[in-house]
Protein backbone atom coordinates (compact mmCIF):
# COMPACT_ATOMS: atom_id res chain seq x y z
CA MET A 1 -41.61 8.88 41.78
CA MET A 2 -44.31 11.82 42.52
CA ALA A 3 -42.94 13.52 45.07
CA ALA A 4 -44.65 14.04 48.31
CA GLN A 5 -46.28 17.75 48.73
CA PRO A 6 -47.44 19.70 51.57
CA GLY A 7 -51.34 18.54 52.66
CA PRO A 8 -52.96 21.62 53.80
CA ALA A 9 -52.92 25.37 52.58
CA ARG A 10 -51.40 27.46 55.84
CA GLN A 11 -47.68 27.02 56.25
CA THR A 12 -46.04 26.65 59.69
CA PRO A 13 -46.12 29.39 62.01
CA ASP A 14 -42.61 30.76 62.87
CA ILE A 15 -43.58 29.38 66.33
CA VAL A 16 -42.51 25.62 65.47
CA PRO A 17 -39.60 26.15 64.09
CA ALA A 18 -38.26 28.53 67.13
CA LEU A 19 -39.82 26.12 69.25
CA LEU A 20 -37.82 23.05 68.19
CA ARG A 21 -34.68 24.76 68.43
CA GLU A 22 -35.35 26.18 71.85
CA TYR A 23 -37.07 23.13 73.97
CA GLY A 24 -34.82 20.94 71.44
CA ALA A 25 -31.60 22.33 72.73
CA ALA A 26 -32.84 22.50 76.49
CA THR A 27 -33.65 19.18 76.13
CA ARG A 28 -30.25 17.62 74.37
CA ALA A 29 -28.62 19.85 77.80
CA ARG A 30 -30.80 17.11 79.99
CA VAL A 31 -30.47 14.60 78.05
CA ASP A 32 -26.47 14.82 78.28
CA HIS A 33 -27.04 15.09 82.26
CA TYR A 34 -28.59 12.02 82.45
CA LEU A 35 -26.87 10.07 80.33
CA ALA A 36 -23.87 11.41 81.79
CA ALA A 37 -23.36 8.77 84.53
CA SER A 38 -22.45 5.72 82.24
CA ALA A 39 -20.34 8.34 79.42
CA LYS A 40 -16.57 6.28 80.82
CA ALA A 41 -18.79 2.64 80.49
CA PRO A 42 -16.29 0.91 78.19
CA TYR A 43 -18.21 -0.49 75.25
CA LEU A 44 -21.49 1.62 76.18
CA GLY A 45 -20.52 5.31 76.73
CA ASP A 46 -20.01 6.47 72.77
CA LEU A 47 -22.90 4.33 72.17
CA VAL A 48 -25.59 5.34 74.13
CA THR A 49 -24.97 9.39 73.44
CA ASP A 50 -24.84 7.81 69.85
CA TYR A 51 -28.27 8.47 68.33
CA PRO A 52 -29.23 11.46 70.73
CA ARG A 53 -26.18 13.50 69.38
CA ARG A 54 -27.33 13.38 65.76
CA ARG A 55 -29.89 15.82 66.39
CA GLY A 56 -33.54 14.67 65.51
CA LYS A 57 -36.66 16.94 64.82
CA MET A 58 -37.12 16.69 69.05
CA MET A 59 -40.90 16.88 68.12
CA ARG A 60 -42.22 15.16 71.05
CA PRO A 61 -39.79 16.54 73.90
CA SER A 62 -41.09 19.83 72.40
CA ILE A 63 -44.86 18.44 72.70
CA CYS A 64 -43.85 17.19 75.94
CA ILE A 65 -42.93 21.02 77.23
CA ALA A 66 -45.10 22.84 74.54
CA ALA A 67 -48.13 21.28 76.53
CA ALA A 68 -47.14 21.92 79.94
CA CYS A 69 -45.90 25.37 79.27
CA ALA A 70 -49.55 25.81 78.04
CA HIS A 71 -50.91 24.88 81.42
CA GLY A 72 -49.06 27.65 82.92
CA ALA A 73 -45.68 25.59 83.92
CA ARG A 74 -42.29 25.99 83.64
CA LEU A 75 -39.25 24.77 81.54
CA ALA A 76 -37.92 23.19 84.20
CA ASP A 77 -40.80 21.95 85.70
CA VAL A 78 -40.69 19.67 82.41
CA VAL A 79 -37.69 19.79 80.88
CA GLY A 80 -36.64 16.57 82.75
CA SER A 81 -39.61 14.34 81.49
CA ALA A 82 -39.02 15.47 77.95
CA ALA A 83 -34.77 14.40 78.54
CA ALA A 84 -36.91 10.95 79.70
CA ILE A 85 -39.24 10.78 76.20
CA GLU A 86 -36.12 11.65 73.88
CA ILE A 87 -33.72 8.84 75.58
CA PHE A 88 -36.75 6.41 75.91
CA HIS A 89 -37.49 7.28 71.72
CA ASN A 90 -33.76 7.13 71.08
CA ALA A 91 -33.32 3.45 72.62
CA LEU A 92 -36.61 2.29 70.53
CA LEU A 93 -35.14 3.25 67.38
CA VAL A 94 -32.19 1.38 68.34
CA HIS A 95 -33.96 -1.71 68.56
CA ASP A 96 -36.41 -0.67 65.65
CA ASP A 97 -33.20 -0.24 63.60
CA ILE A 98 -31.74 -3.83 64.56
CA GLU A 99 -35.54 -5.61 63.74
CA ASP A 100 -36.25 -3.79 60.76
CA GLY A 101 -32.45 -3.80 59.13
CA SER A 102 -32.13 -0.59 58.86
CA GLU A 103 -28.50 0.45 57.55
CA VAL A 104 -29.02 4.23 57.90
CA ARG A 105 -30.57 6.18 60.70
CA ARG A 106 -30.16 10.12 60.45
CA GLY A 107 -27.54 10.38 57.63
CA ALA A 108 -25.14 7.99 59.47
CA PRO A 109 -24.73 4.29 59.73
CA THR A 110 -27.14 2.30 62.17
CA LEU A 111 -25.98 1.93 65.75
CA HIS A 112 -25.77 -2.03 64.72
CA VAL A 113 -24.12 -1.38 61.79
CA ALA A 114 -21.35 0.56 63.29
CA HIS A 115 -20.67 -1.72 66.58
CA GLY A 116 -22.85 -4.81 66.01
CA VAL A 117 -25.69 -6.60 67.10
CA PRO A 118 -25.25 -7.34 70.89
CA LEU A 119 -23.32 -4.48 71.83
CA ALA A 120 -26.62 -1.83 69.94
CA ILE A 121 -29.10 -4.17 71.89
CA ASN A 122 -27.40 -3.37 75.03
CA ALA A 123 -27.36 -0.01 74.45
CA GLY A 124 -31.02 0.10 73.71
CA ASP A 125 -31.59 -1.99 76.71
CA ALA A 126 -29.45 0.78 78.90
CA MET A 127 -31.06 3.60 77.68
CA ILE A 128 -34.43 2.56 78.62
CA VAL A 129 -33.36 2.11 81.84
CA MET A 130 -31.64 5.76 81.87
CA ALA A 131 -35.12 7.20 80.78
CA LEU A 132 -36.30 5.93 84.39
CA GLN A 133 -34.69 8.08 86.26
CA PRO A 134 -35.60 11.83 85.08
CA LEU A 135 -39.87 10.12 85.40
CA ILE A 136 -38.36 8.98 89.06
CA ASP A 137 -36.96 12.53 90.29
CA ASN A 138 -40.39 13.37 88.98
CA VAL A 139 -41.95 12.21 92.94
CA ARG A 140 -39.48 14.81 94.11
CA ASP A 141 -40.19 18.19 91.63
CA HIS A 142 -44.08 17.37 91.70
CA GLY A 143 -44.50 15.01 93.71
CA ALA A 144 -46.38 11.26 94.27
CA ALA A 145 -49.53 11.85 92.59
CA VAL A 146 -48.69 13.24 89.71
CA ALA A 147 -45.13 11.01 89.37
CA TRP A 148 -47.51 8.00 89.46
CA GLN A 149 -49.59 9.15 87.01
CA VAL A 150 -46.53 10.51 84.38
CA LEU A 151 -45.03 6.28 85.43
CA ALA A 152 -48.62 5.18 84.71
CA ALA A 153 -48.87 6.86 81.26
CA THR A 154 -45.76 5.29 80.18
CA GLN A 155 -46.44 1.65 81.53
CA GLN A 156 -49.56 2.40 79.00
CA MET A 157 -46.59 3.39 75.92
CA ALA A 158 -44.48 0.79 76.40
CA ARG A 159 -47.18 -1.22 76.16
CA GLU A 160 -49.03 0.31 73.68
CA THR A 161 -45.73 0.70 71.47
CA ALA A 162 -44.40 -3.05 71.67
CA GLU A 163 -47.94 -4.24 70.59
CA GLY A 164 -47.83 -1.85 67.75
CA GLN A 165 -44.31 -3.26 66.82
CA ALA A 166 -45.10 -6.55 67.51
CA LEU A 167 -47.92 -6.23 64.79
CA GLU A 168 -45.81 -4.46 61.69
CA LEU A 169 -43.44 -7.23 62.50
CA GLY A 170 -45.40 -10.32 62.23
CA TRP A 171 -47.18 -8.76 59.48
CA ARG A 172 -44.30 -9.54 57.77
CA ASP A 173 -43.24 -12.59 59.72
CA CYS A 174 -46.13 -13.91 58.96
CA ASN A 175 -46.56 -12.68 54.91
CA ARG A 176 -49.54 -11.02 55.60
CA VAL A 177 -50.92 -9.52 52.68
CA ASP A 178 -54.85 -9.68 53.16
CA LEU A 179 -54.81 -6.36 55.49
CA THR A 180 -56.83 -2.73 55.00
CA GLN A 181 -56.60 0.32 56.20
CA ALA A 182 -58.48 -0.45 59.44
CA ASP A 183 -55.34 -2.80 60.32
CA TYR A 184 -52.67 0.04 59.41
CA PHE A 185 -54.50 2.56 61.65
CA GLU A 186 -54.83 -0.22 64.66
CA MET A 187 -50.85 -0.45 64.44
CA VAL A 188 -50.06 3.30 64.04
CA LEU A 189 -52.30 4.34 66.67
CA LYS A 190 -49.97 2.11 68.99
CA LYS A 191 -46.70 2.11 67.49
CA THR A 192 -46.47 6.10 66.07
CA ALA A 193 -49.05 7.61 68.05
CA TRP A 194 -48.40 6.54 71.36
CA MET A 195 -45.24 7.18 71.39
CA SER A 196 -44.57 10.08 69.33
CA THR A 197 -47.04 12.66 69.93
CA ILE A 198 -50.27 11.02 72.65
CA TRP A 199 -47.76 10.32 75.75
CA PRO A 200 -45.65 13.34 75.22
CA ALA A 201 -48.98 15.40 74.85
CA ARG A 202 -50.14 13.49 78.32
CA ILE A 203 -47.17 14.08 80.10
CA GLY A 204 -47.33 17.69 79.66
CA VAL A 205 -50.86 17.88 80.61
CA LEU A 206 -50.16 16.00 83.90
CA ILE A 207 -47.36 18.23 84.67
CA GLY A 208 -48.84 21.01 83.81
CA ALA A 209 -52.28 20.63 85.32
CA GLY A 210 -50.77 19.13 88.25
CA GLY A 211 -52.68 16.04 87.49
CA PHE A 212 -55.69 14.40 85.97
CA GLU A 213 -57.16 16.94 83.44
CA ALA A 214 -60.65 16.85 82.09
CA HIS A 215 -59.92 17.48 78.40
CA GLY A 216 -57.35 13.90 78.92
CA ALA A 217 -59.46 12.19 76.30
CA ALA A 218 -59.24 15.13 73.67
CA VAL A 219 -55.79 15.08 74.46
CA THR A 220 -55.05 11.79 73.36
CA ARG A 221 -57.34 12.15 69.93
CA PHE A 222 -55.24 14.72 69.16
CA GLY A 223 -52.13 12.77 69.74
CA PHE A 224 -53.76 10.18 67.40
CA PHE A 225 -54.98 12.24 65.02
CA LEU A 226 -51.26 13.80 65.12
CA GLY A 227 -49.35 10.65 65.19
CA ALA A 228 -51.15 8.68 62.17
CA ALA A 229 -50.78 11.99 59.76
CA PHE A 230 -47.37 12.36 60.74
CA GLN A 231 -47.03 8.55 60.12
CA ILE A 232 -48.51 8.48 56.98
CA GLN A 233 -46.41 11.81 56.18
CA ASP A 234 -43.35 9.80 56.93
CA ASP A 235 -44.00 6.94 54.83
CA LEU A 236 -44.54 9.12 51.87
CA LEU A 237 -40.91 10.87 52.16
CA ASN A 238 -39.69 7.86 52.28
CA LEU A 239 -40.54 6.82 49.04
CA VAL A 240 -39.16 10.29 48.08
CA ALA A 241 -36.36 10.14 50.14
CA ASP A 242 -33.14 12.46 49.67
CA ALA A 243 -30.00 13.16 51.88
CA ALA A 244 -32.27 15.99 53.82
CA TYR A 245 -34.26 13.09 54.73
CA GLY A 246 -31.56 11.06 56.60
CA LYS A 247 -33.06 7.76 56.39
CA GLU A 248 -32.23 4.83 53.52
CA ALA A 249 -34.25 5.83 50.28
CA ASN A 250 -37.48 3.20 50.02
CA GLY A 251 -35.78 2.04 52.82
CA ASP A 252 -39.68 0.68 53.89
CA LEU A 253 -39.84 -1.08 50.41
CA PHE A 254 -36.96 -2.78 50.93
CA GLU A 255 -38.48 -4.08 54.33
CA GLY A 256 -41.69 -5.00 53.13
CA LYS A 257 -43.06 -2.15 55.51
CA ARG A 258 -47.32 -2.69 54.78
CA THR A 259 -47.47 0.92 54.98
CA LEU A 260 -51.01 2.41 53.85
CA VAL A 261 -49.74 3.18 50.76
CA LEU A 262 -48.76 -0.46 49.90
CA ILE A 263 -52.21 -1.86 51.57
CA HIS A 264 -54.25 0.76 49.16
CA ALA A 265 -51.89 -0.14 46.20
CA ARG A 266 -52.43 -3.79 46.53
CA THR A 267 -56.15 -3.74 47.24
CA VAL A 268 -56.68 -1.33 43.79
CA ALA A 269 -53.84 -3.00 41.55
CA ASP A 270 -55.11 -5.74 38.94
CA ASP A 271 -53.92 -8.93 39.46
CA ALA A 272 -51.02 -8.52 37.13
CA ASP A 273 -49.74 -5.63 39.86
CA ARG A 274 -51.02 -7.46 42.77
CA ARG A 275 -48.91 -10.85 41.86
CA ALA A 276 -46.06 -8.74 41.72
CA ILE A 277 -46.70 -6.96 45.02
CA ASP A 278 -47.51 -10.54 46.86
CA ALA A 279 -44.43 -12.02 45.34
CA PHE A 280 -42.09 -8.93 46.21
CA LEU A 281 -43.68 -9.33 49.54
CA ALA A 282 -42.75 -13.32 49.91
CA LEU A 283 -38.75 -12.27 49.63
CA ALA A 284 -36.72 -11.81 52.49
CA ARG A 285 -34.92 -8.56 52.43
CA ALA A 286 -31.70 -9.87 51.29
CA ASP A 287 -33.62 -10.58 48.49
CA ARG A 288 -35.13 -8.35 47.35
CA THR A 289 -32.62 -5.90 44.90
CA PRO A 290 -33.30 -2.19 43.84
CA ALA A 291 -34.97 -3.37 40.60
CA MET A 292 -38.01 -5.73 42.29
CA VAL A 293 -38.26 -2.67 44.75
CA GLU A 294 -38.39 -0.13 41.60
CA GLU A 295 -40.55 -2.27 39.55
CA ILE A 296 -43.08 -2.26 42.77
CA ALA A 297 -42.62 1.57 43.62
CA GLY A 298 -43.42 1.89 39.79
CA VAL A 299 -47.20 0.16 40.74
CA ILE A 300 -47.58 2.42 43.90
CA ALA A 301 -47.24 5.08 41.14
CA ARG A 302 -49.46 3.59 38.79
CA THR A 303 -52.30 2.84 41.18
CA GLY A 304 -52.61 6.78 42.35
CA SER A 305 -52.09 5.50 45.84
CA ILE A 306 -49.62 8.73 46.59
CA ASP A 307 -52.22 10.31 45.79
CA HIS A 308 -54.86 8.64 47.61
CA VAL A 309 -53.11 8.42 50.81
CA ARG A 310 -52.45 12.02 50.94
CA GLU A 311 -55.74 12.33 50.78
CA VAL A 312 -56.58 10.47 54.35
CA ALA A 313 -53.40 11.81 55.87
CA VAL A 314 -54.86 15.66 55.27
CA ALA A 315 -58.70 14.29 56.41
CA LEU A 316 -56.57 13.40 59.43
CA ALA A 317 -54.84 16.56 59.96
CA GLY A 318 -58.33 18.28 60.12
CA ALA A 319 -59.13 16.10 62.79
CA ALA A 320 -56.48 17.06 64.38
CA SER A 321 -57.09 20.75 63.86
CA HIS A 322 -60.87 19.89 65.80
CA GLU A 323 -59.33 17.83 68.45
CA PHE A 324 -56.64 20.52 69.38
CA ASP A 325 -59.38 23.45 69.92
CA ARG A 326 -61.22 20.55 72.41
CA ALA A 327 -58.19 20.26 74.16
CA PHE A 328 -56.14 23.12 74.17
CA GLY A 329 -58.60 25.30 72.88
CA HIS A 330 -59.85 26.19 76.16
CA LEU A 331 -56.04 27.48 77.17
CA PRO A 332 -55.16 31.21 77.33
CA PRO A 333 -53.71 32.09 74.34
CA SER A 334 -49.59 31.67 74.36
CA ARG A 335 -46.76 30.68 72.53
CA ASP A 336 -47.23 27.16 73.55
CA ARG A 337 -50.73 26.62 72.18
CA ASP A 338 -49.40 28.13 68.74
CA PHE A 339 -47.09 25.50 68.71
CA LEU A 340 -48.97 22.48 69.23
CA GLU A 341 -51.90 24.22 66.52
CA GLY A 342 -48.49 24.69 64.64
CA LEU A 343 -47.52 21.25 64.55
CA VAL A 344 -50.44 19.83 62.20
CA PRO A 345 -49.13 21.87 58.88
CA TRP A 346 -45.44 20.96 59.99
CA VAL A 347 -46.44 17.16 59.71
CA PHE A 348 -46.67 18.09 56.05
CA GLU A 349 -44.24 20.76 55.46
CA ARG A 350 -41.20 18.95 57.30
CA THR A 351 -38.23 17.13 55.31
């Protein structure tokens, strides 16, 4: 398969990996603090700390911290909310891995593979509850009005994410093969963008600006375009996964996920290739062999879908840059503002 190449010509500024490391370390320390209450609980303590200690990219909490600090907040003001985001994210990963039948997460066996489905589900449930504590602590740290808005944003994110996950799972369960690009973007807005980019940015702005902020709609649009580009690039990386990627190579194909690249390939394929895709998607995951997966990967390559989808992602990145100017361009120059802007090329250059 053709390797996924960077989209925009410009390179990621050094501030992006620097703040991912700095804000990631601060968030991990606070996550450990909030998870410590269950550290000694039998059959639970080791499980709730497993995924957070596998060292993810820390994009989500870093977006939250940078959005707050760009508005004048201090790291100490927002790191608790960033920890809530990271705990909630990892809880959903545990559940997602079970629902998708995934076997590898961040280079190691998924939690349900290592400990069984019942204990993994319970650990994910516990982490969702644990993520609420730092948000409740915002009442003390930022006052009831701001804390209430943060909780309302969290509730909206949770509903949108559940609806997006339901779409993705339902498409597979009902073997939908008639999906369009518009269908995909509706799912990505709900499943990926709200959790990964919109919610963290909105919480950061709420804390940094002390509540509702006049540029909130632009923040949401920036988050959508950035999150959609992030997800498409993730889909492309899955097709060329290696050890650095930390996930199962071609895992999306094994799982029958309706990614944009697969939707486009089916749309433009000839009759024979379209029948091959439909027959493949009609199978249960357990019945899909590596040879079948390679055959569908070949169809994707022949249809030029990788190049097409990469062009779509680049267009989304351009839209994200435009909305960044509307959402954050009015703020004074800072390393946090530079970080948020630099996430656009980073989406393509990460591995």
